[in-house]
Structure formats: structure tokens, C-alpha cells
């Protein structure tokens, strides 16, 4: 696994140098949650991740918190932080101004996403429709960012046609430097996606996103939103221990470790672990896989 910043710290360069290990965080909504995230980053830093990423709220609702966390990590840690950036709710001027801030702060990576519509069901305002438009704007910026995009092994939740879905994904990846998947639980879904992209001539590396379960209700809710299928056998195991947070966490670690190991064996270019702003599941996964330094 790559664990340092070759050159500019661009993720495209990190992937070219070898397999990567990365963690995903979300912006805290309170001062207490912010202290928890700082603690988690401190606890995960010894694992020497290749990079970390920070998500972005619907319609840019966490824009400032995402920006502040990314800039702070980039200043304080030896690994780069990548902000998620969405089309929804933004003008081109909004995006250019934010990219200016990131470039000035030494940020060299952007995950360009379509984004979720407003939670209240209203139409998303802004000047973008598709993630590819955002990719084009980021590519034009003088910051010379390494650009990632999202991939859905089980198809995009709004997709109705597999063939068209893969064509759109291949075109989006061709304009980007790498992809990161939504979380999923079946190895075959990732392998099939990569094979289908290969047939279309797409060789852009796609990092699999793996999320260890830590809360049963939360997992079900997120899976429903993202169109991710939670296997019945896993649901049965989780439901059997629901109410015992430590037992749920242990099941989540075991299942995620097994999936991650098989993904690496299948040739995945790295691992992107959803940390959920805690270190308690990520640390044992990385150690069980033999990826911890020293």
C-alpha cells in the first residue's frame, strides 16, 4: 500500500505507485463531534493512510465544515485530504471560488459528485445537472487537481438500464483520474462492474468502498438511500445482536475484513474504508489484513 505523498500528493499518482489505503469521514455537526473526529484522525494517523476524504452535505449544506477539515488535515498530517464536492445547489462561480480556496490551501484532489437533492424534497437549484459538468469545471481550474468520481457496483440508484448505466459510468471515469464506489457487500458486484468497464475500454482505477456495520438501523437507512443490497445472511446476523453495540461492531469488522481481503485478492487497486468518524472498526480491519505499518 502507498503511504506517502509522491510528488504533489495527487491520488492519481498514489494509485500509479501502488495500492492505496484510504479512510472516509463526514463533517461533524457539533463542537463535541468535531473533537471526536480530531481524536479519530489522530488514532488513525499511525496506519499511514494514502489519503483521507471528507463528505459533503446535500446542496452544499456542510461546505464550510468540509473545507475547514480538509484544509486542517492537509496542514497537520503527512497524508492528503480530499474534499467531496457536489453539483447540487451550486453555481459555477460558487465552485470556482471554493476551488480557489482549496488550491491556495495546498489541496490537490477533488471527488466530483452529482450530489443529493435537498432533504425537504424541493428541487435542487444551481447551474449543473451532471457530475461530468463538474469534472469539466474542475479540470479547467488552474489548481490542476487529481479528480475522482463516484461509481455504483450495483448500478446507480436512479438507473433503470444496466447497459446505459455502464456506458455513462465509463464516460465519466474516462474524464476523471480515479473512481471510488459506494459501499457494497458482495464481491461479485465489484468484479462484474470492473469487467463491464473493461469491455467498454475503461481502465481508470476504481477503489472499492467498504463500510463496516456499526449501527443496524443506520446501515439499513443508508443502504436504502444508496441502492445497496445488504445480504439477508448479514441482516440476520446483525438483527440477532441488535441492541448490543459491541456485538454489532464485531460482526461489522468480520464481514468488512473478509470482503476487503477478497477484493485485494481480486486485484482491487486499493481500499477505501468508511470510518464513520470512529477508529474502533477501522483499526482492527487494517491490522487483520496485515496492512498496518511495522
C-alpha atoms as a PDB file:
ATOM      1  CA  UNK A   1       0.000   0.000   0.000  1.00  0.00           C
ATOM      2  CA  UNK A   2       1.185   3.523  -0.815  1.00  0.00           C
ATOM      3  CA  UNK A   3       1.639   5.513   2.382  1.00  0.00           C
ATOM      4  CA  UNK A   4       3.394   8.731   1.453  1.00  0.00           C
ATOM      5  CA  UNK A   5       2.959  11.643  -0.876  1.00  0.00           C
ATOM      6  CA  UNK A   6       4.895  11.123  -4.097  1.00  0.00           C
ATOM      7  CA  UNK A   7       5.239  14.387  -5.949  1.00  0.00           C
ATOM      8  CA  UNK A   8       2.244  16.608  -5.319  1.00  0.00           C
ATOM      9  CA  UNK A   9       0.259  14.077  -3.305  1.00  0.00           C
ATOM     10  CA  UNK A  10      -2.225  13.571  -6.126  1.00  0.00           C
ATOM     11  CA  UNK A  11      -4.295  10.421  -5.759  1.00  0.00           C
ATOM     12  CA  UNK A  12      -3.738   9.566  -9.401  1.00  0.00           C
ATOM     13  CA  UNK A  13      -0.004   9.445  -8.659  1.00  0.00           C
ATOM     14  CA  UNK A  14      -0.564   7.446  -5.462  1.00  0.00           C
ATOM     15  CA  UNK A  15      -2.517   4.813  -7.403  1.00  0.00           C
ATOM     16  CA  UNK A  16       0.151   4.674 -10.086  1.00  0.00           C
ATOM     17  CA  UNK A  17       2.723   3.978  -7.347  1.00  0.00           C
ATOM     18  CA  UNK A  18       0.809   1.037  -5.849  1.00  0.00           C
ATOM     19  CA  UNK A  19      -2.267   0.016  -3.904  1.00  0.00           C
ATOM     20  CA  UNK A  20      -3.755   2.678  -1.678  1.00  0.00           C
ATOM     21  CA  UNK A  21      -5.443   2.639   1.722  1.00  0.00           C
ATOM     22  CA  UNK A  22      -7.846   5.469   2.490  1.00  0.00           C
ATOM     23  CA  UNK A  23     -10.489   6.449   5.016  1.00  0.00           C
ATOM     24  CA  UNK A  24     -13.674   8.461   4.663  1.00  0.00           C
ATOM     25  CA  UNK A  25     -15.038  10.931   7.225  1.00  0.00           C
ATOM     26  CA  UNK A  26     -18.106  13.157   7.386  1.00  0.00           C
ATOM     27  CA  UNK A  27     -18.253  16.755   8.657  1.00  0.00           C
ATOM     28  CA  UNK A  28     -19.198  16.971  12.361  1.00  0.00           C
ATOM     29  CA  UNK A  29     -22.374  18.843  13.271  1.00  0.00           C
ATOM     30  CA  UNK A  30     -21.331  19.988  16.752  1.00  0.00           C
ATOM     31  CA  UNK A  31     -18.237  21.002  18.688  1.00  0.00           C
ATOM     32  CA  UNK A  32     -18.291  17.674  20.529  1.00  0.00           C
ATOM     33  CA  UNK A  33     -18.480  15.757  17.261  1.00  0.00           C
ATOM     34  CA  UNK A  34     -15.626  17.859  15.922  1.00  0.00           C
ATOM     35  CA  UNK A  35     -13.452  16.866  18.894  1.00  0.00           C
ATOM     36  CA  UNK A  36     -14.359  13.226  18.267  1.00  0.00           C
ATOM     37  CA  UNK A  37     -13.288  13.492  14.638  1.00  0.00           C
ATOM     38  CA  UNK A  38      -9.984  15.106  15.606  1.00  0.00           C
ATOM     39  CA  UNK A  39      -9.412  12.227  18.045  1.00  0.00           C
ATOM     40  CA  UNK A  40     -10.230   9.672  15.338  1.00  0.00           C
ATOM     41  CA  UNK A  41      -7.831  11.236  12.831  1.00  0.00           C
ATOM     42  CA  UNK A  42      -5.103  11.199  15.489  1.00  0.00           C
ATOM     43  CA  UNK A  43      -5.794   7.494  16.208  1.00  0.00           C
ATOM     44  CA  UNK A  44      -5.814   6.519  12.520  1.00  0.00           C
ATOM     45  CA  UNK A  45      -2.740   8.530  11.508  1.00  0.00           C
ATOM     46  CA  UNK A  46      -0.301   5.763  12.623  1.00  0.00           C
ATOM     47  CA  UNK A  47      -1.880   3.486   9.989  1.00  0.00           C
ATOM     48  CA  UNK A  48      -0.332   5.822   7.395  1.00  0.00           C
ATOM     49  CA  UNK A  49      -3.271   6.108   5.011  1.00  0.00           C
ATOM     50  CA  UNK A  50      -2.528   7.114   1.459  1.00  0.00           C
ATOM     51  CA  UNK A  51      -5.222   9.783   1.771  1.00  0.00           C
ATOM     52  CA  UNK A  52      -8.487  10.562   3.529  1.00  0.00           C
ATOM     53  CA  UNK A  53     -11.700  12.061   2.189  1.00  0.00           C
ATOM     54  CA  UNK A  54     -14.409  14.246   3.712  1.00  0.00           C
ATOM     55  CA  UNK A  55     -18.017  14.095   2.546  1.00  0.00           C
ATOM     56  CA  UNK A  56     -20.265  16.998   1.589  1.00  0.00           C
ATOM     57  CA  UNK A  57     -23.850  17.613   2.691  1.00  0.00           C
ATOM     58  CA  UNK A  58     -26.818  17.799   0.323  1.00  0.00           C
ATOM     59  CA  UNK A  59     -26.846  21.076  -1.574  1.00  0.00           C
ATOM     60  CA  UNK A  60     -23.520  22.070  -0.032  1.00  0.00           C
ATOM     61  CA  UNK A  61     -25.014  22.258   3.464  1.00  0.00           C
ATOM     62  CA  UNK A  62     -21.666  21.339   5.056  1.00  0.00           C
ATOM     63  CA  UNK A  63     -19.464  23.293   2.653  1.00  0.00           C
ATOM     64  CA  UNK A  64     -17.572  25.291   5.287  1.00  0.00           C
ATOM     65  CA  UNK A  65     -17.091  22.365   7.683  1.00  0.00           C
ATOM     66  CA  UNK A  66     -15.889  20.103   4.863  1.00  0.00           C
ATOM     67  CA  UNK A  67     -13.488  22.797   3.678  1.00  0.00           C
ATOM     68  CA  UNK A  68     -12.137  23.522   7.161  1.00  0.00           C
ATOM     69  CA  UNK A  69     -11.493  19.845   7.966  1.00  0.00           C
ATOM     70  CA  UNK A  70      -9.754  19.226   4.647  1.00  0.00           C
ATOM     71  CA  UNK A  71      -7.506  22.266   4.992  1.00  0.00           C
ATOM     72  CA  UNK A  72      -6.656  21.380   8.603  1.00  0.00           C
ATOM     73  CA  UNK A  73      -5.738  17.767   7.772  1.00  0.00           C
ATOM     74  CA  UNK A  74      -3.654  18.907   4.814  1.00  0.00           C
ATOM     75  CA  UNK A  75      -1.710  21.252   7.116  1.00  0.00           C
ATOM     76  CA  UNK A  76      -1.237  18.864  10.023  1.00  0.00           C
ATOM     77  CA  UNK A  77      -0.908  15.360   8.573  1.00  0.00           C
ATOM     78  CA  UNK A  78       1.592  13.690   6.210  1.00  0.00           C
ATOM     79  CA  UNK A  79      -1.258  12.361   4.048  1.00  0.00           C
ATOM     80  CA  UNK A  80      -3.513  14.436   1.774  1.00  0.00           C
ATOM     81  CA  UNK A  81      -7.183  15.097   2.436  1.00  0.00           C
ATOM     82  CA  UNK A  82      -9.681  15.119  -0.416  1.00  0.00           C
ATOM     83  CA  UNK A  83     -12.935  17.071  -0.246  1.00  0.00           C
ATOM     84  CA  UNK A  84     -16.112  15.726  -1.788  1.00  0.00           C
ATOM     85  CA  UNK A  85     -17.720  18.398  -3.970  1.00  0.00           C
ATOM     86  CA  UNK A  86     -21.233  18.283  -5.428  1.00  0.00           C
ATOM     87  CA  UNK A  87     -23.096  19.899  -8.291  1.00  0.00           C
ATOM     88  CA  UNK A  88     -26.389  20.232  -6.437  1.00  0.00           C
ATOM     89  CA  UNK A  89     -27.195  23.719  -5.256  1.00  0.00           C
ATOM     90  CA  UNK A  90     -24.140  25.453  -6.703  1.00  0.00           C
ATOM     91  CA  UNK A  91     -23.362  27.965  -9.396  1.00  0.00           C
ATOM     92  CA  UNK A  92     -20.181  27.823 -11.416  1.00  0.00           C
ATOM     93  CA  UNK A  93     -18.963  30.883  -9.527  1.00  0.00           C
ATOM     94  CA  UNK A  94     -19.545  29.049  -6.220  1.00  0.00           C
ATOM     95  CA  UNK A  95     -17.452  26.112  -7.361  1.00  0.00           C
ATOM     96  CA  UNK A  96     -14.652  28.249  -8.787  1.00  0.00           C
ATOM     97  CA  UNK A  97     -14.384  30.205  -5.534  1.00  0.00           C
ATOM     98  CA  UNK A  98     -14.196  27.009  -3.487  1.00  0.00           C
ATOM     99  CA  UNK A  99     -11.597  25.536  -5.841  1.00  0.00           C
ATOM    100  CA  UNK A 100      -9.568  28.731  -5.443  1.00  0.00           C
ATOM    101  CA  UNK A 101      -9.590  28.210  -1.660  1.00  0.00           C
ATOM    102  CA  UNK A 102      -8.578  24.572  -1.988  1.00  0.00           C
ATOM    103  CA  UNK A 103      -5.759  25.332  -4.409  1.00  0.00           C
ATOM    104  CA  UNK A 104      -4.454  28.093  -2.134  1.00  0.00           C
ATOM    105  CA  UNK A 105      -4.590  25.659   0.807  1.00  0.00           C
ATOM    106  CA  UNK A 106      -2.481  23.019  -0.920  1.00  0.00           C
ATOM    107  CA  UNK A 107      -5.344  20.656  -1.762  1.00  0.00           C
ATOM    108  CA  UNK A 108      -4.638  18.644  -4.913  1.00  0.00           C
ATOM    109  CA  UNK A 109      -7.556  16.191  -5.053  1.00  0.00           C
ATOM    110  CA  UNK A 110     -11.306  16.574  -5.561  1.00  0.00           C
ATOM    111  CA  UNK A 111     -14.093  13.974  -5.582  1.00  0.00           C
ATOM    112  CA  UNK A 112     -16.648  15.395  -8.030  1.00  0.00           C
ATOM    113  CA  UNK A 113     -20.205  14.204  -7.394  1.00  0.00           C
ATOM    114  CA  UNK A 114     -23.680  14.965  -8.662  1.00  0.00           C
ATOM    115  CA  UNK A 115     -24.884  15.223  -5.063  1.00  0.00           C
ATOM    116  CA  UNK A 116     -28.163  14.551  -3.325  1.00  0.00           C
ATOM    117  CA  UNK A 117     -31.227  16.771  -3.777  1.00  0.00           C
ATOM    118  CA  UNK A 118     -32.421  18.838  -0.792  1.00  0.00           C
ATOM    119  CA  UNK A 119     -33.772  16.718   2.061  1.00  0.00           C
ATOM    120  CA  UNK A 120     -37.088  18.591   2.034  1.00  0.00           C
ATOM    121  CA  UNK A 121     -37.903  17.272  -1.428  1.00  0.00           C
ATOM    122  CA  UNK A 122     -37.573  20.618  -3.199  1.00  0.00           C
ATOM    123  CA  UNK A 123     -35.778  20.949  -6.499  1.00  0.00           C
ATOM    124  CA  UNK A 124     -32.032  21.469  -6.324  1.00  0.00           C
ATOM    125  CA  UNK A 125     -31.051  24.880  -7.629  1.00  0.00           C
ATOM    126  CA  UNK A 126     -27.790  25.553  -9.379  1.00  0.00           C
ATOM    127  CA  UNK A 127     -26.111  25.556 -12.751  1.00  0.00           C
ATOM    128  CA  UNK A 128     -25.155  21.870 -13.007  1.00  0.00           C
ATOM    129  CA  UNK A 129     -27.092  18.760 -13.952  1.00  0.00           C
ATOM    130  CA  UNK A 130     -24.486  16.002 -14.172  1.00  0.00           C
ATOM    131  CA  UNK A 131     -21.244  15.171 -12.377  1.00  0.00           C
ATOM    132  CA  UNK A 132     -19.413  15.255 -15.721  1.00  0.00           C
ATOM    133  CA  UNK A 133     -20.093  19.000 -15.906  1.00  0.00           C
ATOM    134  CA  UNK A 134     -18.440  19.438 -12.523  1.00  0.00           C
ATOM    135  CA  UNK A 135     -15.492  17.301 -13.624  1.00  0.00           C
ATOM    136  CA  UNK A 136     -15.016  19.565 -16.652  1.00  0.00           C
ATOM    137  CA  UNK A 137     -15.035  22.695 -14.494  1.00  0.00           C
ATOM    138  CA  UNK A 138     -12.550  21.242 -12.003  1.00  0.00           C
ATOM    139  CA  UNK A 139     -10.324  20.108 -14.871  1.00  0.00           C
ATOM    140  CA  UNK A 140     -10.241  23.641 -16.272  1.00  0.00           C
ATOM    141  CA  UNK A 141      -9.128  25.143 -12.949  1.00  0.00           C
ATOM    142  CA  UNK A 142      -5.536  26.300 -12.583  1.00  0.00           C
ATOM    143  CA  UNK A 143      -5.184  24.162  -9.447  1.00  0.00           C
ATOM    144  CA  UNK A 144      -4.508  21.124 -11.649  1.00  0.00           C
ATOM    145  CA  UNK A 145      -6.449  18.768  -9.358  1.00  0.00           C
ATOM    146  CA  UNK A 146      -6.498  14.992  -9.478  1.00  0.00           C
ATOM    147  CA  UNK A 147     -10.206  14.235  -9.934  1.00  0.00           C
ATOM    148  CA  UNK A 148     -12.226  11.310  -8.658  1.00  0.00           C
ATOM    149  CA  UNK A 149     -15.834  10.354  -9.366  1.00  0.00           C
ATOM    150  CA  UNK A 150     -18.374   8.014  -7.797  1.00  0.00           C
ATOM    151  CA  UNK A 151     -19.155   4.505  -9.033  1.00  0.00           C
ATOM    152  CA  UNK A 152     -22.041   2.205  -8.072  1.00  0.00           C
ATOM    153  CA  UNK A 153     -21.255  -1.514  -8.400  1.00  0.00           C
ATOM    154  CA  UNK A 154     -24.968  -2.339  -8.059  1.00  0.00           C
ATOM    155  CA  UNK A 155     -25.910   0.397 -10.568  1.00  0.00           C
ATOM    156  CA  UNK A 156     -26.786   3.995  -9.787  1.00  0.00           C
ATOM    157  CA  UNK A 157     -29.917   4.128  -7.597  1.00  0.00           C
ATOM    158  CA  UNK A 158     -31.739   6.154 -10.281  1.00  0.00           C
ATOM    159  CA  UNK A 159     -30.619   3.903 -13.128  1.00  0.00           C
ATOM    160  CA  UNK A 160     -33.126   1.711 -14.960  1.00  0.00           C
ATOM    161  CA  UNK A 161     -30.874   0.168 -17.597  1.00  0.00           C
ATOM    162  CA  UNK A 162     -27.620  -1.692 -16.871  1.00  0.00           C
ATOM    163  CA  UNK A 163     -26.084  -1.186 -20.298  1.00  0.00           C
ATOM    164  CA  UNK A 164     -26.706   2.552 -20.283  1.00  0.00           C
ATOM    165  CA  UNK A 165     -25.549   2.833 -16.670  1.00  0.00           C
ATOM    166  CA  UNK A 166     -22.182   1.294 -17.504  1.00  0.00           C
ATOM    167  CA  UNK A 167     -21.749   3.443 -20.613  1.00  0.00           C
ATOM    168  CA  UNK A 168     -22.361   6.601 -18.588  1.00  0.00           C
ATOM    169  CA  UNK A 169     -20.006   5.404 -15.851  1.00  0.00           C
ATOM    170  CA  UNK A 170     -17.268   4.558 -18.365  1.00  0.00           C
ATOM    171  CA  UNK A 171     -17.571   8.013 -19.927  1.00  0.00           C
ATOM    172  CA  UNK A 172     -17.438   9.705 -16.516  1.00  0.00           C
ATOM    173  CA  UNK A 173     -14.391   7.677 -15.459  1.00  0.00           C
ATOM    174  CA  UNK A 174     -12.652   8.458 -18.756  1.00  0.00           C
ATOM    175  CA  UNK A 175     -12.810  12.150 -17.842  1.00  0.00           C
ATOM    176  CA  UNK A 176     -11.514  11.518 -14.318  1.00  0.00           C
ATOM    177  CA  UNK A 177      -8.333  10.118 -12.765  1.00  0.00           C
ATOM    178  CA  UNK A 178      -9.936   7.516 -10.493  1.00  0.00           C
ATOM    179  CA  UNK A 179     -13.253   6.362  -9.086  1.00  0.00           C
ATOM    180  CA  UNK A 180     -14.488   5.406  -5.619  1.00  0.00           C
ATOM    181  CA  UNK A 181     -17.506   3.165  -5.183  1.00  0.00           C
ATOM    182  CA  UNK A 182     -20.462   3.462  -2.907  1.00  0.00           C
ATOM    183  CA  UNK A 183     -20.358   0.796  -0.200  1.00  0.00           C
ATOM    184  CA  UNK A 184     -21.466  -2.697  -1.174  1.00  0.00           C
ATOM    185  CA  UNK A 185     -21.304  -6.172   0.341  1.00  0.00           C
ATOM    186  CA  UNK A 186     -20.909  -8.686  -2.496  1.00  0.00           C
ATOM    187  CA  UNK A 187     -17.535  -9.172  -4.200  1.00  0.00           C
ATOM    188  CA  UNK A 188     -19.229 -10.235  -7.441  1.00  0.00           C
ATOM    189  CA  UNK A 189     -20.882  -6.814  -7.809  1.00  0.00           C
ATOM    190  CA  UNK A 190     -17.496  -5.081  -7.875  1.00  0.00           C
ATOM    191  CA  UNK A 191     -15.838  -7.668 -10.122  1.00  0.00           C
ATOM    192  CA  UNK A 192     -18.720  -7.567 -12.591  1.00  0.00           C
ATOM    193  CA  UNK A 193     -18.591  -3.765 -12.726  1.00  0.00           C
ATOM    194  CA  UNK A 194     -14.853  -3.782 -13.431  1.00  0.00           C
ATOM    195  CA  UNK A 195     -15.307  -6.433 -16.137  1.00  0.00           C
ATOM    196  CA  UNK A 196     -18.103  -4.451 -17.778  1.00  0.00           C
ATOM    197  CA  UNK A 197     -15.997  -1.302 -17.740  1.00  0.00           C
ATOM    198  CA  UNK A 198     -13.067  -3.202 -19.225  1.00  0.00           C
ATOM    199  CA  UNK A 199     -15.232  -4.340 -22.137  1.00  0.00           C
ATOM    200  CA  UNK A 200     -16.020  -0.676 -22.761  1.00  0.00           C
ATOM    201  CA  UNK A 201     -12.298   0.127 -22.848  1.00  0.00           C
ATOM    202  CA  UNK A 202     -12.299   1.899 -19.468  1.00  0.00           C
ATOM    203  CA  UNK A 203      -9.152   1.266 -17.428  1.00  0.00           C
ATOM    204  CA  UNK A 204      -9.446   4.126 -14.896  1.00  0.00           C
ATOM    205  CA  UNK A 205      -8.799   2.614 -11.437  1.00  0.00           C
ATOM    206  CA  UNK A 206     -11.883   2.286  -9.229  1.00  0.00           C
ATOM    207  CA  UNK A 207     -11.352   1.982  -5.486  1.00  0.00           C
ATOM    208  CA  UNK A 208     -13.911  -0.183  -3.678  1.00  0.00           C
ATOM    209  CA  UNK A 209     -15.673   1.465  -0.750  1.00  0.00           C
ATOM    210  CA  UNK A 210     -16.127  -0.852   2.234  1.00  0.00           C
ATOM    211  CA  UNK A 211     -18.282   0.106   5.210  1.00  0.00           C
ATOM    212  CA  UNK A 212     -18.205  -1.945   8.430  1.00  0.00           C
ATOM    213  CA  UNK A 213     -21.615  -2.021  10.092  1.00  0.00           C
ATOM    214  CA  UNK A 214     -21.737  -0.208  13.436  1.00  0.00           C
ATOM    215  CA  UNK A 215     -25.466   0.516  13.716  1.00  0.00           C
ATOM    216  CA  UNK A 216     -28.185  -1.719  12.299  1.00  0.00           C
ATOM    217  CA  UNK A 217     -30.841   0.950  11.752  1.00  0.00           C
ATOM    218  CA  UNK A 218     -28.292   3.322  10.247  1.00  0.00           C
ATOM    219  CA  UNK A 219     -26.991   0.663   7.872  1.00  0.00           C
ATOM    220  CA  UNK A 220     -30.483  -0.149   6.626  1.00  0.00           C
ATOM    221  CA  UNK A 221     -31.271   3.531   6.105  1.00  0.00           C
ATOM    222  CA  UNK A 222     -28.049   4.263   4.201  1.00  0.00           C
ATOM    223  CA  UNK A 223     -28.384   1.127   2.087  1.00  0.00           C
ATOM    224  CA  UNK A 224     -31.922   2.129   1.086  1.00  0.00           C
ATOM    225  CA  UNK A 225     -30.740   5.627   0.108  1.00  0.00           C
ATOM    226  CA  UNK A 226     -27.793   4.350  -1.941  1.00  0.00           C
ATOM    227  CA  UNK A 227     -29.450   1.359  -3.569  1.00  0.00           C
ATOM    228  CA  UNK A 228     -27.059  -1.015  -1.799  1.00  0.00           C
ATOM    229  CA  UNK A 229     -28.297  -4.548  -1.115  1.00  0.00           C
ATOM    230  CA  UNK A 230     -27.473  -5.878   2.342  1.00  0.00           C
ATOM    231  CA  UNK A 231     -27.330  -9.710   2.077  1.00  0.00           C
ATOM    232  CA  UNK A 232     -30.064 -11.496   4.002  1.00  0.00           C
ATOM    233  CA  UNK A 233     -27.494 -13.568   5.894  1.00  0.00           C
ATOM    234  CA  UNK A 234     -25.757 -10.401   7.119  1.00  0.00           C
ATOM    235  CA  UNK A 235     -29.063  -8.822   8.125  1.00  0.00           C
ATOM    236  CA  UNK A 236     -29.951 -11.945  10.086  1.00  0.00           C
ATOM    237  CA  UNK A 237     -26.630 -11.823  11.951  1.00  0.00           C
ATOM    238  CA  UNK A 238     -26.997  -8.133  12.706  1.00  0.00           C
ATOM    239  CA  UNK A 239     -30.639  -8.357  13.743  1.00  0.00           C
ATOM    240  CA  UNK A 240     -29.730 -11.204  16.124  1.00  0.00           C
ATOM    241  CA  UNK A 241     -27.344  -8.943  18.060  1.00  0.00           C
ATOM    242  CA  UNK A 242     -29.134  -5.614  17.569  1.00  0.00           C
ATOM    243  CA  UNK A 243     -29.161  -3.817  20.895  1.00  0.00           C
ATOM    244  CA  UNK A 244     -25.586  -4.898  21.676  1.00  0.00           C
ATOM    245  CA  UNK A 245     -23.382  -2.236  20.013  1.00  0.00           C
ATOM    246  CA  UNK A 246     -20.142  -4.144  20.588  1.00  0.00           C
ATOM    247  CA  UNK A 247     -21.551  -7.340  19.075  1.00  0.00           C
ATOM    248  CA  UNK A 248     -22.804  -5.371  16.051  1.00  0.00           C
ATOM    249  CA  UNK A 249     -19.371  -3.797  15.654  1.00  0.00           C
ATOM    250  CA  UNK A 250     -17.645  -7.173  15.807  1.00  0.00           C
ATOM    251  CA  UNK A 251     -19.898  -8.596  13.096  1.00  0.00           C
ATOM    252  CA  UNK A 252     -19.266  -5.490  11.001  1.00  0.00           C
ATOM    253  CA  UNK A 253     -15.498  -5.831  11.355  1.00  0.00           C
ATOM    254  CA  UNK A 254     -15.530  -9.527  10.497  1.00  0.00           C
ATOM    255  CA  UNK A 255     -17.665  -9.090   7.374  1.00  0.00           C
ATOM    256  CA  UNK A 256     -15.808  -5.998   6.165  1.00  0.00           C
ATOM    257  CA  UNK A 257     -12.414  -7.637   6.675  1.00  0.00           C
ATOM    258  CA  UNK A 258     -13.461 -10.685   4.688  1.00  0.00           C
ATOM    259  CA  UNK A 259     -14.797  -8.561   1.827  1.00  0.00           C
ATOM    260  CA  UNK A 260     -11.707  -6.348   1.811  1.00  0.00           C
ATOM    261  CA  UNK A 261      -9.383  -9.336   1.719  1.00  0.00           C
ATOM    262  CA  UNK A 262     -11.225 -10.853  -1.231  1.00  0.00           C
ATOM    263  CA  UNK A 263     -11.272  -7.516  -3.050  1.00  0.00           C
ATOM    264  CA  UNK A 264      -7.497  -7.229  -2.783  1.00  0.00           C
ATOM    265  CA  UNK A 265      -7.095 -10.814  -3.930  1.00  0.00           C
ATOM    266  CA  UNK A 266      -9.314  -9.991  -6.930  1.00  0.00           C
ATOM    267  CA  UNK A 267      -6.975  -7.166  -7.928  1.00  0.00           C
ATOM    268  CA  UNK A 268      -8.623  -4.056  -6.465  1.00  0.00           C
ATOM    269  CA  UNK A 269      -6.251  -1.046  -6.689  1.00  0.00           C
ATOM    270  CA  UNK A 270      -6.732  -0.281  -3.005  1.00  0.00           C
ATOM    271  CA  UNK A 271      -9.308   0.027  -0.239  1.00  0.00           C
ATOM    272  CA  UNK A 272     -11.467   2.957   0.794  1.00  0.00           C
ATOM    273  CA  UNK A 273     -12.886   2.347   4.282  1.00  0.00           C
ATOM    274  CA  UNK A 274     -15.886   4.247   5.646  1.00  0.00           C
ATOM    275  CA  UNK A 275     -14.653   5.138   9.127  1.00  0.00           C
ATOM    276  CA  UNK A 276     -17.919   6.766  10.308  1.00  0.00           C
ATOM    277  CA  UNK A 277     -15.697   9.164  12.299  1.00  0.00           C
ATOM    278  CA  UNK A 278     -14.570   6.374  14.630  1.00  0.00           C
ATOM    279  CA  UNK A 279     -11.377   4.313  14.713  1.00  0.00           C
ATOM    280  CA  UNK A 280     -12.720   1.285  16.594  1.00  0.00           C
ATOM    281  CA  UNK A 281     -13.691  -0.696  13.479  1.00  0.00           C
ATOM    282  CA  UNK A 282     -11.105   0.568  11.009  1.00  0.00           C
ATOM    283  CA  UNK A 283      -8.026  -0.228  13.127  1.00  0.00           C
ATOM    284  CA  UNK A 284      -8.778  -3.975  13.522  1.00  0.00           C
ATOM    285  CA  UNK A 285      -9.700  -4.285   9.829  1.00  0.00           C
ATOM    286  CA  UNK A 286      -6.379  -2.792   8.728  1.00  0.00           C
ATOM    287  CA  UNK A 287      -4.434  -4.908  11.243  1.00  0.00           C
ATOM    288  CA  UNK A 288      -6.275  -8.137  10.352  1.00  0.00           C
ATOM    289  CA  UNK A 289      -5.460  -7.534   6.692  1.00  0.00           C
ATOM    290  CA  UNK A 290      -1.787  -7.127   7.547  1.00  0.00           C
ATOM    291  CA  UNK A 291      -1.748  -3.557   6.245  1.00  0.00           C
ATOM    292  CA  UNK A 292      -0.698  -1.775   9.445  1.00  0.00           C
ATOM    293  CA  UNK A 293       2.859  -0.371   9.324  1.00  0.00           C
ATOM    294  CA  UNK A 294       5.542  -2.118  11.305  1.00  0.00           C
END
